[in-house]
C-alpha cells in the first residue's frame, strides 16, 4: 500500500476517484437514504472548499466539525483537506467540557455545526452556539442551510416547503435566546 500511495496526496487521490468513478455511488445516507455519486460528491466538496476559503480557511488552519455521520460530514471533511487544513471532529454526545477542550486545543479557524433538529427547536442550539463562541475566542460563525428536497421528503418523511421563512423564524428565535 505504501508504494502505491508514495508521493500522492489525499486531495490527488480524491480527484482521481472522482474522475475514474464519476457515475458510481460514493456515499449513502443510511438505509434507503440519498446516494451521492463520486461526481456529486466532488461538486459538493468543491463548493464546501470554496465556502471555507471564503471564511479565511487556508493551509495549516483547523476546522472543527460538530456534524453527524452523513454525506455532508464527508464533504466538509474532504473540503477542509483540499485546502490543506485539518478537520477536527467533535460529537453530539460530547460534554460541553469536552467540546471546549477540543475547540481550544485545535484553535479552530471555523466551527461547523449541523442539525436539521436545531431548525425545529432553536432553544436546543443555545448551549452549543454560546459555548462555541466563547471556546473559539470569537471565531465561531453560525451558518444555516436547508436540507435538499429529497432529504426532507425521503430521509425525514416530511413534506417539502420553501425553507427561507422558517430560517428567518429560526434566526429571530436565536436572537431572542442569545441577546
C-alpha atoms as a PDB file:
ATOM      1  CA  UNK A   1       0.000   0.000   0.000  1.00  0.00           C
ATOM      2  CA  UNK A   2       2.771   2.402   0.935  1.00  0.00           C
ATOM      3  CA  UNK A   3       4.377   2.042  -2.514  1.00  0.00           C
ATOM      4  CA  UNK A   4       1.036   2.668  -4.237  1.00  0.00           C
ATOM      5  CA  UNK A   5       0.443   5.941  -2.395  1.00  0.00           C
ATOM      6  CA  UNK A   6       4.012   7.257  -2.260  1.00  0.00           C
ATOM      7  CA  UNK A   7       4.150  10.904  -3.329  1.00  0.00           C
ATOM      8  CA  UNK A   8       0.367  11.249  -3.608  1.00  0.00           C
ATOM      9  CA  UNK A   9      -1.875  13.490  -1.556  1.00  0.00           C
ATOM     10  CA  UNK A  10      -5.357  12.809  -0.201  1.00  0.00           C
ATOM     11  CA  UNK A  11      -6.629  15.580  -2.475  1.00  0.00           C
ATOM     12  CA  UNK A  12      -4.975  13.976  -5.507  1.00  0.00           C
ATOM     13  CA  UNK A  13      -6.347  10.543  -4.685  1.00  0.00           C
ATOM     14  CA  UNK A  14      -9.817  12.038  -4.217  1.00  0.00           C
ATOM     15  CA  UNK A  15      -9.648  13.857  -7.558  1.00  0.00           C
ATOM     16  CA  UNK A  16      -8.596  10.617  -9.268  1.00  0.00           C
ATOM     17  CA  UNK A  17     -11.525   8.736  -7.684  1.00  0.00           C
ATOM     18  CA  UNK A  18     -13.998  11.447  -8.756  1.00  0.00           C
ATOM     19  CA  UNK A  19     -12.664  11.295 -12.317  1.00  0.00           C
ATOM     20  CA  UNK A  20     -12.443   7.496 -12.533  1.00  0.00           C
ATOM     21  CA  UNK A  21     -15.695   6.591 -10.762  1.00  0.00           C
ATOM     22  CA  UNK A  22     -17.848   9.674 -11.561  1.00  0.00           C
ATOM     23  CA  UNK A  23     -21.139   7.815 -12.025  1.00  0.00           C
ATOM     24  CA  UNK A  24     -20.645   5.233  -9.266  1.00  0.00           C
ATOM     25  CA  UNK A  25     -22.100   5.591  -5.767  1.00  0.00           C
ATOM     26  CA  UNK A  26     -19.677   7.210  -3.347  1.00  0.00           C
ATOM     27  CA  UNK A  27     -21.758   7.953  -0.256  1.00  0.00           C
ATOM     28  CA  UNK A  28     -25.118   6.805   1.029  1.00  0.00           C
ATOM     29  CA  UNK A  29     -27.148   8.329   3.851  1.00  0.00           C
ATOM     30  CA  UNK A  30     -28.223   5.225   5.753  1.00  0.00           C
ATOM     31  CA  UNK A  31     -30.602   2.540   4.575  1.00  0.00           C
ATOM     32  CA  UNK A  32     -32.822   3.969   1.871  1.00  0.00           C
ATOM     33  CA  UNK A  33     -31.228   7.409   2.170  1.00  0.00           C
ATOM     34  CA  UNK A  34     -29.935   9.653  -0.558  1.00  0.00           C
ATOM     35  CA  UNK A  35     -26.938   8.402  -2.531  1.00  0.00           C
ATOM     36  CA  UNK A  36     -24.215  10.672  -3.902  1.00  0.00           C
ATOM     37  CA  UNK A  37     -22.171   9.639  -6.904  1.00  0.00           C
ATOM     38  CA  UNK A  38     -18.474  10.484  -6.953  1.00  0.00           C
ATOM     39  CA  UNK A  39     -19.273  13.355  -9.347  1.00  0.00           C
ATOM     40  CA  UNK A  40     -21.877  14.774  -6.926  1.00  0.00           C
ATOM     41  CA  UNK A  41     -19.507  14.259  -4.012  1.00  0.00           C
ATOM     42  CA  UNK A  42     -16.750  16.061  -5.913  1.00  0.00           C
ATOM     43  CA  UNK A  43     -19.002  19.039  -6.702  1.00  0.00           C
ATOM     44  CA  UNK A  44     -20.104  19.325  -3.075  1.00  0.00           C
ATOM     45  CA  UNK A  45     -16.502  19.115  -1.838  1.00  0.00           C
ATOM     46  CA  UNK A  46     -15.511  21.909  -4.261  1.00  0.00           C
ATOM     47  CA  UNK A  47     -18.447  24.036  -3.034  1.00  0.00           C
ATOM     48  CA  UNK A  48     -17.510  23.443   0.614  1.00  0.00           C
ATOM     49  CA  UNK A  49     -13.828  24.206  -0.026  1.00  0.00           C
ATOM     50  CA  UNK A  50     -14.765  27.481  -1.744  1.00  0.00           C
ATOM     51  CA  UNK A  51     -17.045  28.448   1.166  1.00  0.00           C
ATOM     52  CA  UNK A  52     -14.367  27.633   3.743  1.00  0.00           C
ATOM     53  CA  UNK A  53     -11.775  29.567   1.739  1.00  0.00           C
ATOM     54  CA  UNK A  54     -14.211  32.500   1.759  1.00  0.00           C
ATOM     55  CA  UNK A  55     -14.230  32.303   5.566  1.00  0.00           C
ATOM     56  CA  UNK A  56     -10.442  32.594   5.593  1.00  0.00           C
ATOM     57  CA  UNK A  57      -9.523  28.914   5.973  1.00  0.00           C
ATOM     58  CA  UNK A  58      -6.186  28.037   4.429  1.00  0.00           C
ATOM     59  CA  UNK A  59      -3.179  25.735   4.771  1.00  0.00           C
ATOM     60  CA  UNK A  60      -2.370  24.892   8.366  1.00  0.00           C
ATOM     61  CA  UNK A  61      -5.719  26.059   9.766  1.00  0.00           C
ATOM     62  CA  UNK A  62      -8.148  23.807  11.602  1.00  0.00           C
ATOM     63  CA  UNK A  63     -11.886  23.419  11.031  1.00  0.00           C
ATOM     64  CA  UNK A  64     -13.854  21.877  13.914  1.00  0.00           C
ATOM     65  CA  UNK A  65     -16.841  19.782  12.840  1.00  0.00           C
ATOM     66  CA  UNK A  66     -19.807  19.074  15.110  1.00  0.00           C
ATOM     67  CA  UNK A  67     -21.670  17.207  12.371  1.00  0.00           C
ATOM     68  CA  UNK A  68     -23.438  13.871  12.372  1.00  0.00           C
ATOM     69  CA  UNK A  69     -22.164  10.983  10.229  1.00  0.00           C
ATOM     70  CA  UNK A  70     -23.864  11.708   6.916  1.00  0.00           C
ATOM     71  CA  UNK A  71     -22.685  12.651   3.406  1.00  0.00           C
ATOM     72  CA  UNK A  72     -22.394  16.348   4.297  1.00  0.00           C
ATOM     73  CA  UNK A  73     -19.880  15.486   7.017  1.00  0.00           C
ATOM     74  CA  UNK A  74     -17.638  13.799   4.465  1.00  0.00           C
ATOM     75  CA  UNK A  75     -17.917  16.778   2.098  1.00  0.00           C
ATOM     76  CA  UNK A  76     -16.863  19.098   4.945  1.00  0.00           C
ATOM     77  CA  UNK A  77     -14.026  16.781   5.932  1.00  0.00           C
ATOM     78  CA  UNK A  78     -12.660  16.463   2.389  1.00  0.00           C
ATOM     79  CA  UNK A  79     -13.295  20.131   1.541  1.00  0.00           C
ATOM     80  CA  UNK A  80     -11.171  21.063   4.553  1.00  0.00           C
ATOM     81  CA  UNK A  81      -8.418  18.661   3.482  1.00  0.00           C
ATOM     82  CA  UNK A  82      -8.418  20.102  -0.067  1.00  0.00           C
ATOM     83  CA  UNK A  83      -7.436  23.444   1.441  1.00  0.00           C
ATOM     84  CA  UNK A  84      -4.547  21.715   3.251  1.00  0.00           C
ATOM     85  CA  UNK A  85      -6.316  22.493   6.518  1.00  0.00           C
ATOM     86  CA  UNK A  86      -7.080  19.965   9.239  1.00  0.00           C
ATOM     87  CA  UNK A  87     -10.599  18.771  10.059  1.00  0.00           C
ATOM     88  CA  UNK A  88     -11.240  18.087  13.747  1.00  0.00           C
ATOM     89  CA  UNK A  89     -14.372  16.101  14.588  1.00  0.00           C
ATOM     90  CA  UNK A  90     -16.478  16.547  17.691  1.00  0.00           C
ATOM     91  CA  UNK A  91     -19.526  14.517  18.667  1.00  0.00           C
ATOM     92  CA  UNK A  92     -23.006  15.466  19.861  1.00  0.00           C
ATOM     93  CA  UNK A  93     -22.512  13.045  22.739  1.00  0.00           C
ATOM     94  CA  UNK A  94     -19.536  15.110  23.959  1.00  0.00           C
ATOM     95  CA  UNK A  95     -19.996  17.125  27.115  1.00  0.00           C
ATOM     96  CA  UNK A  96     -19.607  20.914  26.962  1.00  0.00           C
ATOM     97  CA  UNK A  97     -16.246  20.483  28.737  1.00  0.00           C
ATOM     98  CA  UNK A  98     -15.036  18.063  26.047  1.00  0.00           C
ATOM     99  CA  UNK A  99     -16.180  20.385  23.251  1.00  0.00           C
ATOM    100  CA  UNK A 100     -14.467  23.312  24.965  1.00  0.00           C
ATOM    101  CA  UNK A 101     -11.231  21.351  25.259  1.00  0.00           C
ATOM    102  CA  UNK A 102     -11.290  20.275  21.595  1.00  0.00           C
ATOM    103  CA  UNK A 103     -12.078  23.731  20.187  1.00  0.00           C
ATOM    104  CA  UNK A 104      -9.475  25.428  22.392  1.00  0.00           C
ATOM    105  CA  UNK A 105      -6.743  22.873  21.707  1.00  0.00           C
ATOM    106  CA  UNK A 106      -7.003  22.943  17.922  1.00  0.00           C
ATOM    107  CA  UNK A 107      -7.547  26.738  17.735  1.00  0.00           C
ATOM    108  CA  UNK A 108     -10.191  26.225  15.055  1.00  0.00           C
ATOM    109  CA  UNK A 109     -10.443  28.890  12.374  1.00  0.00           C
ATOM    110  CA  UNK A 110     -14.056  27.836  11.746  1.00  0.00           C
ATOM    111  CA  UNK A 111     -16.505  25.678  13.712  1.00  0.00           C
ATOM    112  CA  UNK A 112     -19.214  23.937  11.660  1.00  0.00           C
ATOM    113  CA  UNK A 113     -22.358  22.694  13.409  1.00  0.00           C
ATOM    114  CA  UNK A 114     -25.166  20.812  11.666  1.00  0.00           C
ATOM    115  CA  UNK A 115     -28.582  19.719  12.635  1.00  0.00           C
ATOM    116  CA  UNK A 116     -31.960  19.848  10.979  1.00  0.00           C
ATOM    117  CA  UNK A 117     -33.179  19.248  14.525  1.00  0.00           C
ATOM    118  CA  UNK A 118     -31.851  22.679  15.504  1.00  0.00           C
ATOM    119  CA  UNK A 119     -34.097  24.266  12.886  1.00  0.00           C
ATOM    120  CA  UNK A 120     -37.044  22.624  14.581  1.00  0.00           C
ATOM    121  CA  UNK A 121     -36.008  23.639  18.110  1.00  0.00           C
ATOM    122  CA  UNK A 122     -33.878  26.828  18.295  1.00  0.00           C
ATOM    123  CA  UNK A 123     -33.575  26.539  22.077  1.00  0.00           C
ATOM    124  CA  UNK A 124     -31.560  23.325  21.540  1.00  0.00           C
ATOM    125  CA  UNK A 125     -28.871  25.300  19.693  1.00  0.00           C
ATOM    126  CA  UNK A 126     -28.284  27.720  22.567  1.00  0.00           C
ATOM    127  CA  UNK A 127     -25.784  25.717  24.638  1.00  0.00           C
ATOM    128  CA  UNK A 128     -23.671  24.906  21.599  1.00  0.00           C
ATOM    129  CA  UNK A 129     -23.686  28.326  19.969  1.00  0.00           C
ATOM    130  CA  UNK A 130     -22.906  30.402  23.028  1.00  0.00           C
ATOM    131  CA  UNK A 131     -20.271  27.999  24.306  1.00  0.00           C
ATOM    132  CA  UNK A 132     -18.642  27.576  20.892  1.00  0.00           C
ATOM    133  CA  UNK A 133     -18.424  31.368  20.532  1.00  0.00           C
ATOM    134  CA  UNK A 134     -16.662  31.556  23.882  1.00  0.00           C
ATOM    135  CA  UNK A 135     -14.452  28.485  23.396  1.00  0.00           C
ATOM    136  CA  UNK A 136     -13.293  29.581  19.944  1.00  0.00           C
ATOM    137  CA  UNK A 137     -12.333  33.058  21.184  1.00  0.00           C
ATOM    138  CA  UNK A 138     -14.890  34.673  18.894  1.00  0.00           C
ATOM    139  CA  UNK A 139     -14.122  32.605  15.771  1.00  0.00           C
ATOM    140  CA  UNK A 140     -17.483  30.761  15.761  1.00  0.00           C
ATOM    141  CA  UNK A 141     -19.825  31.786  12.929  1.00  0.00           C
ATOM    142  CA  UNK A 142     -23.276  30.306  12.724  1.00  0.00           C
ATOM    143  CA  UNK A 143     -24.225  29.373   9.191  1.00  0.00           C
ATOM    144  CA  UNK A 144     -27.591  27.964   8.235  1.00  0.00           C
ATOM    145  CA  UNK A 145     -28.501  25.899   5.243  1.00  0.00           C
ATOM    146  CA  UNK A 146     -31.580  23.946   4.374  1.00  0.00           C
ATOM    147  CA  UNK A 147     -31.707  20.265   3.613  1.00  0.00           C
ATOM    148  CA  UNK A 148     -32.326  19.450  -0.019  1.00  0.00           C
ATOM    149  CA  UNK A 149     -35.855  18.484  -1.036  1.00  0.00           C
ATOM    150  CA  UNK A 150     -35.004  14.784  -1.468  1.00  0.00           C
ATOM    151  CA  UNK A 151     -33.645  14.585   2.101  1.00  0.00           C
ATOM    152  CA  UNK A 152     -36.726  16.241   3.554  1.00  0.00           C
ATOM    153  CA  UNK A 153     -39.169  14.025   1.661  1.00  0.00           C
ATOM    154  CA  UNK A 154     -37.323  10.694   1.593  1.00  0.00           C
ATOM    155  CA  UNK A 155     -34.997  10.678   4.587  1.00  0.00           C
ATOM    156  CA  UNK A 156     -37.176  12.583   7.058  1.00  0.00           C
ATOM    157  CA  UNK A 157     -40.595  11.689   5.523  1.00  0.00           C
ATOM    158  CA  UNK A 158     -41.746  15.294   5.785  1.00  0.00           C
ATOM    159  CA  UNK A 159     -43.474  17.483   3.190  1.00  0.00           C
ATOM    160  CA  UNK A 160     -41.210  19.916   1.341  1.00  0.00           C
ATOM    161  CA  UNK A 161     -41.774  23.656   1.564  1.00  0.00           C
ATOM    162  CA  UNK A 162     -39.590  26.655   0.886  1.00  0.00           C
ATOM    163  CA  UNK A 163     -37.175  26.969   3.844  1.00  0.00           C
ATOM    164  CA  UNK A 164     -36.418  30.718   3.825  1.00  0.00           C
ATOM    165  CA  UNK A 165     -39.360  31.725   6.017  1.00  0.00           C
ATOM    166  CA  UNK A 166     -38.507  29.077   8.622  1.00  0.00           C
ATOM    167  CA  UNK A 167     -34.860  30.178   8.595  1.00  0.00           C
ATOM    168  CA  UNK A 168     -35.944  33.778   9.284  1.00  0.00           C
ATOM    169  CA  UNK A 169     -38.010  32.483  12.207  1.00  0.00           C
ATOM    170  CA  UNK A 170     -35.054  30.429  13.454  1.00  0.00           C
ATOM    171  CA  UNK A 171     -32.697  33.421  13.304  1.00  0.00           C
ATOM    172  CA  UNK A 172     -35.224  35.588  15.141  1.00  0.00           C
ATOM    173  CA  UNK A 173     -35.555  32.883  17.793  1.00  0.00           C
ATOM    174  CA  UNK A 174     -31.769  32.650  18.182  1.00  0.00           C
ATOM    175  CA  UNK A 175     -31.562  36.426  18.642  1.00  0.00           C
ATOM    176  CA  UNK A 176     -34.259  36.220  21.314  1.00  0.00           C
ATOM    177  CA  UNK A 177     -32.362  33.440  23.089  1.00  0.00           C
ATOM    178  CA  UNK A 178     -28.810  34.805  22.811  1.00  0.00           C
ATOM    179  CA  UNK A 179     -29.348  38.586  23.016  1.00  0.00           C
END
